[in-house]
Amino acid sequence: MLSKIKSLFKRKKDRNIDEYDIDEKDLNRILSEGAILVDVRSPQEYEEGHMEGAILLPEYDIKKKASMLLPNKNMNIIVYCSSGTRSKKAQEELNNMGYTKVYNLYNGYQNY
């Protein structure tokens, strides 16, 4: 048990978890407050299955398409991918573009 807890803390440390990285509990709360859910995986991955209500905005298209699909830079936005890695990059890119409330689903879609 202790080794499992240590492993969780190490993983969180390695992945640079921050206040805008969320889990399932936070996901449901933020969605209930009004948020847009953004799948940053590829179109093929999206077609194979995605979270209900999510829009597709692949991580590699964020610079080109974010302003069109996400016009309000102050809205709650939740980004996710398969494992949380691409969505973390997408979160950082959106923050750099001036979006103020971008949340990353920490462990990605694979857990939901």
N, C-alpha and C. Protein backbone atom coordinates (compact mmCIF):
# COMPACT_ATOMS: atom_id res chain seq x y z
N MET A 1 0.82 -1.19 0.00
CA MET A 1 0.00 0.00 0.00
C MET A 1 0.87 1.26 0.00
N LEU A 2 1.88 1.26 0.86
CA LEU A 2 2.75 2.42 0.95
C LEU A 2 3.48 2.66 -0.36
N SER A 3 3.91 1.61 -1.03
CA SER A 3 4.62 1.78 -2.30
C SER A 3 3.68 2.35 -3.37
N LYS A 4 2.40 1.97 -3.33
CA LYS A 4 1.43 2.51 -4.28
C LYS A 4 1.24 4.02 -4.06
N ILE A 5 1.15 4.42 -2.80
CA ILE A 5 1.00 5.85 -2.48
C ILE A 5 2.24 6.61 -2.94
N LYS A 6 3.41 6.08 -2.68
CA LYS A 6 4.65 6.73 -3.12
C LYS A 6 4.68 6.86 -4.63
N SER A 7 4.22 5.82 -5.32
CA SER A 7 4.17 5.84 -6.78
C SER A 7 3.26 6.94 -7.29
N LEU A 8 2.11 7.10 -6.65
CA LEU A 8 1.17 8.17 -7.06
C LEU A 8 1.80 9.54 -6.88
N PHE A 9 2.47 9.76 -5.74
CA PHE A 9 3.10 11.05 -5.51
C PHE A 9 4.23 11.30 -6.51
N LYS A 10 5.02 10.28 -6.82
CA LYS A 10 6.09 10.42 -7.79
C LYS A 10 5.53 10.77 -9.15
N ARG A 11 4.45 10.07 -9.58
CA ARG A 11 3.85 10.34 -10.88
C ARG A 11 3.35 11.78 -10.94
N LYS A 12 2.69 12.23 -9.90
CA LYS A 12 2.20 13.61 -9.88
C LYS A 12 3.35 14.60 -9.97
N LYS A 13 4.43 14.31 -9.25
CA LYS A 13 5.59 15.19 -9.29
C LYS A 13 6.19 15.22 -10.69
N ASP A 14 6.32 14.04 -11.30
CA ASP A 14 6.92 13.95 -12.63
C ASP A 14 6.10 14.66 -13.69
N ARG A 15 4.79 14.63 -13.57
CA ARG A 15 3.92 15.20 -14.59
C ARG A 15 3.60 16.67 -14.33
N ASN A 16 4.18 17.27 -13.30
CA ASN A 16 3.95 18.67 -12.99
C ASN A 16 2.47 19.01 -12.84
N ILE A 17 1.80 18.32 -11.95
CA ILE A 17 0.39 18.58 -11.70
C ILE A 17 0.26 19.98 -11.09
N ASP A 18 -0.75 20.71 -11.54
CA ASP A 18 -0.98 22.04 -10.99
C ASP A 18 -2.45 22.23 -10.69
N GLU A 19 -2.82 23.41 -10.25
CA GLU A 19 -4.19 23.66 -9.81
C GLU A 19 -5.21 23.52 -10.94
N TYR A 20 -4.80 23.56 -12.19
CA TYR A 20 -5.71 23.42 -13.32
C TYR A 20 -5.70 22.01 -13.91
N ASP A 21 -5.07 21.07 -13.24
CA ASP A 21 -5.16 19.66 -13.61
C ASP A 21 -6.28 19.07 -12.76
N ILE A 22 -7.23 18.41 -13.40
CA ILE A 22 -8.42 17.96 -12.69
C ILE A 22 -8.61 16.45 -12.80
N ASP A 23 -9.39 15.92 -11.86
CA ASP A 23 -9.77 14.51 -11.88
C ASP A 23 -11.26 14.41 -12.17
N GLU A 24 -11.83 13.21 -12.04
CA GLU A 24 -13.23 12.98 -12.39
C GLU A 24 -14.18 13.83 -11.54
N LYS A 25 -13.90 13.96 -10.27
CA LYS A 25 -14.75 14.76 -9.37
C LYS A 25 -14.78 16.22 -9.84
N ASP A 26 -13.61 16.77 -10.09
CA ASP A 26 -13.52 18.15 -10.57
C ASP A 26 -14.16 18.29 -11.95
N LEU A 27 -13.98 17.29 -12.80
CA LEU A 27 -14.56 17.30 -14.14
C LEU A 27 -16.07 17.50 -14.06
N ASN A 28 -16.73 16.68 -13.26
CA ASN A 28 -18.19 16.77 -13.15
C ASN A 28 -18.63 18.11 -12.56
N ARG A 29 -17.89 18.61 -11.58
CA ARG A 29 -18.22 19.90 -10.96
C ARG A 29 -18.10 21.04 -11.97
N ILE A 30 -17.00 21.09 -12.69
CA ILE A 30 -16.76 22.18 -13.64
C ILE A 30 -17.75 22.09 -14.80
N LEU A 31 -18.05 20.89 -15.27
CA LEU A 31 -19.05 20.74 -16.32
C LEU A 31 -20.41 21.23 -15.85
N SER A 32 -20.77 20.95 -14.60
CA SER A 32 -22.07 21.38 -14.08
C SER A 32 -22.14 22.90 -13.92
N GLU A 33 -21.00 23.55 -13.78
CA GLU A 33 -20.94 25.01 -13.67
C GLU A 33 -20.96 25.67 -15.04
N GLY A 34 -20.84 24.88 -16.08
CA GLY A 34 -20.82 25.40 -17.44
C GLY A 34 -19.41 25.45 -17.97
N ALA A 35 -19.10 24.52 -18.82
CA ALA A 35 -17.76 24.44 -19.41
C ALA A 35 -17.89 23.79 -20.77
N ILE A 36 -16.91 24.03 -21.60
CA ILE A 36 -16.85 23.37 -22.90
C ILE A 36 -15.78 22.29 -22.79
N LEU A 37 -16.11 21.12 -23.29
CA LEU A 37 -15.23 19.96 -23.24
C LEU A 37 -14.57 19.81 -24.61
N VAL A 38 -13.23 19.78 -24.62
CA VAL A 38 -12.47 19.76 -25.86
C VAL A 38 -11.57 18.52 -25.92
N ASP A 39 -11.81 17.71 -26.95
CA ASP A 39 -11.00 16.53 -27.20
C ASP A 39 -9.86 16.95 -28.12
N VAL A 40 -8.62 16.82 -27.66
CA VAL A 40 -7.47 17.28 -28.45
C VAL A 40 -6.75 16.13 -29.15
N ARG A 41 -7.40 14.97 -29.22
CA ARG A 41 -6.82 13.83 -29.93
C ARG A 41 -7.03 13.98 -31.43
N SER A 42 -6.61 13.00 -32.17
CA SER A 42 -6.77 13.03 -33.63
C SER A 42 -8.23 12.76 -34.01
N PRO A 43 -8.63 13.15 -35.23
CA PRO A 43 -9.99 12.84 -35.68
C PRO A 43 -10.30 11.34 -35.63
N GLN A 44 -9.34 10.51 -35.96
CA GLN A 44 -9.56 9.05 -35.91
C GLN A 44 -9.85 8.60 -34.48
N GLU A 45 -9.06 9.09 -33.52
CA GLU A 45 -9.29 8.72 -32.13
C GLU A 45 -10.66 9.21 -31.66
N TYR A 46 -11.02 10.41 -32.06
CA TYR A 46 -12.32 10.99 -31.70
C TYR A 46 -13.46 10.12 -32.23
N GLU A 47 -13.34 9.67 -33.48
CA GLU A 47 -14.37 8.83 -34.10
C GLU A 47 -14.49 7.48 -33.40
N GLU A 48 -13.40 7.00 -32.86
CA GLU A 48 -13.41 5.70 -32.17
C GLU A 48 -14.11 5.78 -30.82
N GLY A 49 -14.32 6.98 -30.33
CA GLY A 49 -15.01 7.19 -29.06
C GLY A 49 -14.54 8.46 -28.39
N HIS A 50 -15.47 9.20 -27.84
CA HIS A 50 -15.13 10.44 -27.15
C HIS A 50 -16.15 10.70 -26.05
N MET A 51 -15.84 11.64 -25.19
CA MET A 51 -16.74 12.00 -24.10
C MET A 51 -17.95 12.74 -24.68
N GLU A 52 -19.10 12.45 -24.13
CA GLU A 52 -20.34 13.06 -24.60
C GLU A 52 -20.26 14.58 -24.53
N GLY A 53 -20.61 15.23 -25.63
CA GLY A 53 -20.63 16.68 -25.70
C GLY A 53 -19.30 17.33 -26.06
N ALA A 54 -18.25 16.53 -26.22
CA ALA A 54 -16.93 17.09 -26.52
C ALA A 54 -16.84 17.53 -27.97
N ILE A 55 -16.15 18.64 -28.18
CA ILE A 55 -15.83 19.07 -29.54
C ILE A 55 -14.41 18.61 -29.87
N LEU A 56 -14.16 18.41 -31.13
CA LEU A 56 -12.83 17.99 -31.57
C LEU A 56 -12.00 19.21 -31.95
N LEU A 57 -10.85 19.32 -31.32
CA LEU A 57 -9.86 20.33 -31.67
C LEU A 57 -8.50 19.71 -31.44
N PRO A 58 -7.97 19.00 -32.44
CA PRO A 58 -6.68 18.32 -32.26
C PRO A 58 -5.60 19.28 -31.77
N GLU A 59 -4.76 18.75 -30.93
CA GLU A 59 -3.69 19.56 -30.32
C GLU A 59 -2.86 20.27 -31.39
N TYR A 60 -2.63 19.62 -32.52
CA TYR A 60 -1.82 20.22 -33.57
C TYR A 60 -2.55 21.33 -34.34
N ASP A 61 -3.86 21.50 -34.12
CA ASP A 61 -4.64 22.55 -34.79
C ASP A 61 -5.02 23.72 -33.87
N ILE A 62 -4.56 23.70 -32.66
CA ILE A 62 -5.01 24.72 -31.70
C ILE A 62 -4.72 26.14 -32.17
N LYS A 63 -3.52 26.40 -32.61
CA LYS A 63 -3.17 27.76 -33.05
C LYS A 63 -4.06 28.23 -34.19
N LYS A 64 -4.43 27.32 -35.09
CA LYS A 64 -5.23 27.69 -36.27
C LYS A 64 -6.72 27.83 -35.95
N LYS A 65 -7.26 26.99 -35.09
CA LYS A 65 -8.71 26.89 -34.97
C LYS A 65 -9.31 27.29 -33.62
N ALA A 66 -8.50 27.51 -32.61
CA ALA A 66 -9.03 27.79 -31.28
C ALA A 66 -9.91 29.04 -31.25
N SER A 67 -9.47 30.11 -31.87
CA SER A 67 -10.25 31.36 -31.79
C SER A 67 -11.62 31.21 -32.45
N MET A 68 -11.73 30.35 -33.45
CA MET A 68 -13.01 30.13 -34.12
C MET A 68 -13.92 29.24 -33.27
N LEU A 69 -13.36 28.17 -32.69
CA LEU A 69 -14.17 27.23 -31.93
C LEU A 69 -14.37 27.65 -30.47
N LEU A 70 -13.46 28.45 -29.96
CA LEU A 70 -13.50 28.89 -28.56
C LEU A 70 -13.38 30.41 -28.50
N PRO A 71 -14.44 31.12 -28.89
CA PRO A 71 -14.33 32.57 -28.99
C PRO A 71 -14.20 33.33 -27.67
N ASN A 72 -14.71 32.76 -26.58
CA ASN A 72 -14.66 33.44 -25.28
C ASN A 72 -13.44 32.95 -24.50
N LYS A 73 -12.46 33.80 -24.36
CA LYS A 73 -11.21 33.41 -23.69
C LYS A 73 -11.35 33.30 -22.17
N ASN A 74 -12.52 33.68 -21.64
CA ASN A 74 -12.74 33.60 -20.19
C ASN A 74 -13.67 32.46 -19.79
N MET A 75 -14.08 31.63 -20.75
CA MET A 75 -14.97 30.51 -20.43
C MET A 75 -14.17 29.37 -19.81
N ASN A 76 -14.86 28.51 -19.07
CA ASN A 76 -14.23 27.29 -18.56
C ASN A 76 -14.06 26.32 -19.72
N ILE A 77 -12.84 25.86 -19.91
CA ILE A 77 -12.52 24.90 -20.97
C ILE A 77 -11.83 23.72 -20.32
N ILE A 78 -12.29 22.52 -20.66
CA ILE A 78 -11.66 21.30 -20.17
C ILE A 78 -11.10 20.57 -21.39
N VAL A 79 -9.80 20.35 -21.40
CA VAL A 79 -9.16 19.64 -22.49
C VAL A 79 -8.79 18.23 -22.02
N TYR A 80 -8.89 17.28 -22.96
CA TYR A 80 -8.47 15.92 -22.63
C TYR A 80 -7.92 15.23 -23.87
N CYS A 81 -7.12 14.20 -23.61
CA CYS A 81 -6.60 13.32 -24.66
C CYS A 81 -6.62 11.90 -24.10
N SER A 82 -5.83 11.02 -24.61
CA SER A 82 -5.83 9.64 -24.13
C SER A 82 -5.21 9.48 -22.75
N SER A 83 -4.08 10.14 -22.53
CA SER A 83 -3.35 9.93 -21.27
C SER A 83 -3.11 11.20 -20.46
N GLY A 84 -3.37 12.35 -21.04
CA GLY A 84 -3.13 13.61 -20.34
C GLY A 84 -1.91 14.37 -20.84
N THR A 85 -1.13 13.78 -21.72
CA THR A 85 0.09 14.43 -22.19
C THR A 85 -0.20 15.48 -23.26
N ARG A 86 -0.92 15.12 -24.31
CA ARG A 86 -1.26 16.10 -25.36
C ARG A 86 -2.16 17.20 -24.81
N SER A 87 -3.06 16.82 -23.91
CA SER A 87 -3.96 17.83 -23.36
C SER A 87 -3.20 18.82 -22.48
N LYS A 88 -2.14 18.38 -21.83
CA LYS A 88 -1.30 19.31 -21.05
C LYS A 88 -0.65 20.32 -21.99
N LYS A 89 -0.16 19.84 -23.14
CA LYS A 89 0.43 20.75 -24.13
C LYS A 89 -0.63 21.71 -24.66
N ALA A 90 -1.82 21.19 -24.92
CA ALA A 90 -2.92 22.02 -25.42
C ALA A 90 -3.30 23.07 -24.39
N GLN A 91 -3.35 22.68 -23.13
CA GLN A 91 -3.65 23.61 -22.06
C GLN A 91 -2.64 24.75 -22.04
N GLU A 92 -1.38 24.42 -22.12
CA GLU A 92 -0.32 25.44 -22.12
C GLU A 92 -0.44 26.35 -23.33
N GLU A 93 -0.73 25.79 -24.50
CA GLU A 93 -0.87 26.60 -25.71
C GLU A 93 -2.06 27.56 -25.59
N LEU A 94 -3.18 27.05 -25.11
CA LEU A 94 -4.35 27.92 -24.93
C LEU A 94 -4.06 29.02 -23.91
N ASN A 95 -3.37 28.69 -22.84
CA ASN A 95 -2.98 29.71 -21.86
C ASN A 95 -2.10 30.78 -22.51
N ASN A 96 -1.17 30.35 -23.35
CA ASN A 96 -0.29 31.29 -24.05
C ASN A 96 -1.07 32.18 -25.01
N MET A 97 -2.21 31.68 -25.48
CA MET A 97 -3.05 32.45 -26.40
C MET A 97 -4.02 33.38 -25.65
N GLY A 98 -3.98 33.36 -24.32
CA GLY A 98 -4.81 34.27 -23.54
C GLY A 98 -6.04 33.67 -22.91
N TYR A 99 -6.25 32.36 -23.05
CA TYR A 99 -7.38 31.71 -22.39
C TYR A 99 -7.06 31.60 -20.90
N THR A 100 -8.04 31.94 -20.07
CA THR A 100 -7.76 32.10 -18.65
C THR A 100 -8.17 30.94 -17.76
N LYS A 101 -9.11 30.11 -18.19
CA LYS A 101 -9.61 29.02 -17.34
C LYS A 101 -9.61 27.70 -18.13
N VAL A 102 -8.42 27.19 -18.36
CA VAL A 102 -8.27 25.94 -19.12
C VAL A 102 -7.84 24.84 -18.16
N TYR A 103 -8.66 23.81 -18.07
CA TYR A 103 -8.42 22.68 -17.18
C TYR A 103 -8.00 21.46 -17.99
N ASN A 104 -7.04 20.72 -17.47
CA ASN A 104 -6.54 19.51 -18.11
C ASN A 104 -7.03 18.30 -17.34
N LEU A 105 -7.70 17.37 -18.03
CA LEU A 105 -8.11 16.11 -17.41
C LEU A 105 -6.84 15.29 -17.20
N TYR A 106 -6.38 15.23 -15.97
CA TYR A 106 -5.04 14.79 -15.62
C TYR A 106 -4.62 13.44 -16.22
N ASN A 107 -5.41 12.42 -16.07
CA ASN A 107 -5.00 11.11 -16.59
C ASN A 107 -5.66 10.77 -17.91
N GLY A 108 -6.32 11.71 -18.52
CA GLY A 108 -6.88 11.50 -19.83
C GLY A 108 -8.14 10.66 -19.90
N TYR A 109 -8.59 10.48 -21.11
CA TYR A 109 -9.83 9.80 -21.46
C TYR A 109 -9.79 8.32 -21.11
N GLN A 110 -8.64 7.71 -21.08
CA GLN A 110 -8.52 6.27 -20.85
C GLN A 110 -9.15 5.82 -19.55
N ASN A 111 -9.33 6.73 -18.60
CA ASN A 111 -9.87 6.35 -17.31
C ASN A 111 -11.38 6.60 -17.18
N TYR A 112 -12.04 7.03 -18.26
CA TYR A 112 -13.46 7.37 -18.14
C TYR A 112 -14.32 6.60 -19.08
